[in-house]
Amino acid sequence: MQLTTSQYDLLERAIVDGSRITIMRRGTEYVVIPERLRLDGGREIVIARHPSTGHRLELILDEIDALEGVR
């Protein structure tokens, strides 16, 4: 999936504010708190934490099916 500019804005705002987003990937919904973006081998990766357990997740942007903010 190619993110739109509004989705990038949402992701960047969530990183700055520490707010939650939902990411759909391969039929699984992840509710996470994104911490940063990094580039690895030409692929953008979201470094995030699970809000309840604190576990670290790395989600590759081009593998994401959908991205939305949590209200």
Protein backbone atom coordinates (compact mmCIF):
# COMPACT_ATOMS: atom_id res chain seq x y z
CA MET A 1 0.00 0.00 0.00
CA GLN A 2 1.19 3.47 -0.84
CA LEU A 3 0.29 5.92 1.94
CA THR A 4 -1.47 9.12 1.02
CA THR A 5 -0.18 12.47 2.23
CA SER A 6 -2.99 12.65 4.81
CA GLN A 7 -2.02 9.19 6.13
CA TYR A 8 1.63 10.29 6.41
CA ASP A 9 0.46 13.41 8.25
CA LEU A 10 -1.63 11.23 10.58
CA LEU A 11 1.32 8.93 11.24
CA GLU A 12 3.74 11.80 11.86
CA ARG A 13 1.24 13.55 14.17
CA ALA A 14 0.74 10.30 16.13
CA ILE A 15 4.51 9.99 16.57
CA VAL A 16 4.80 13.56 17.86
CA ASP A 17 1.72 13.35 20.13
CA GLY A 18 2.17 9.75 21.27
CA SER A 19 -1.37 8.91 20.14
CA ARG A 20 -2.71 5.55 18.98
CA ILE A 21 -3.27 4.41 15.42
CA THR A 22 -4.68 1.25 13.91
CA ILE A 23 -2.78 -0.62 11.25
CA MET A 24 -4.27 -3.46 9.21
CA ARG A 25 -1.77 -5.97 7.87
CA ARG A 26 -2.56 -9.38 6.39
CA GLY A 27 -6.01 -9.45 7.99
CA THR A 28 -4.79 -8.53 11.48
CA GLU A 29 -5.58 -5.21 13.15
CA TYR A 30 -2.86 -3.69 15.31
CA VAL A 31 -3.58 -0.82 17.68
CA VAL A 32 -0.18 0.73 18.38
CA ILE A 33 1.56 3.85 19.55
CA PRO A 34 4.09 4.75 16.85
CA GLU A 35 7.45 6.00 18.11
CA ARG A 36 9.42 6.66 14.94
CA LEU A 37 9.96 5.88 11.27
CA ARG A 38 13.18 4.41 9.96
CA LEU A 39 14.50 3.45 6.58
CA ASP A 40 16.10 0.04 6.06
CA GLY A 41 17.16 -1.12 2.62
CA GLY A 42 14.84 1.37 0.94
CA ARG A 43 11.80 0.27 2.98
CA GLU A 44 10.07 2.49 5.54
CA ILE A 45 9.46 0.84 8.90
CA VAL A 46 7.21 2.07 11.71
CA ILE A 47 8.69 1.40 15.14
CA ALA A 48 5.75 1.17 17.55
CA ARG A 49 4.71 -0.08 20.98
CA HIS A 50 1.63 -2.05 21.93
CA PRO A 51 -0.32 0.25 24.29
CA SER A 52 -1.20 -2.48 26.84
CA THR A 53 1.85 -4.73 26.92
CA GLY A 54 4.56 -2.29 25.84
CA HIS A 55 5.97 -4.81 23.37
CA ARG A 56 7.91 -3.30 20.48
CA LEU A 57 6.64 -3.87 16.94
CA GLU A 58 8.27 -3.11 13.62
CA LEU A 59 5.76 -2.79 10.79
CA ILE A 60 6.94 -2.30 7.22
CA LEU A 61 4.86 0.37 5.50
CA ASP A 62 4.63 -1.34 2.13
CA GLU A 63 3.07 -4.41 3.84
CA ILE A 64 0.30 -2.35 5.48
CA ASP A 65 -3.23 -2.68 4.08
CA ALA A 66 -4.79 0.26 5.98
CA LEU A 67 -3.82 2.94 8.48
CA GLU A 68 -6.25 5.00 10.57
CA GLY A 69 -6.22 7.17 13.67
CA VAL A 70 -7.92 6.14 16.90
CA ARG A 71 -10.35 8.62 18.42
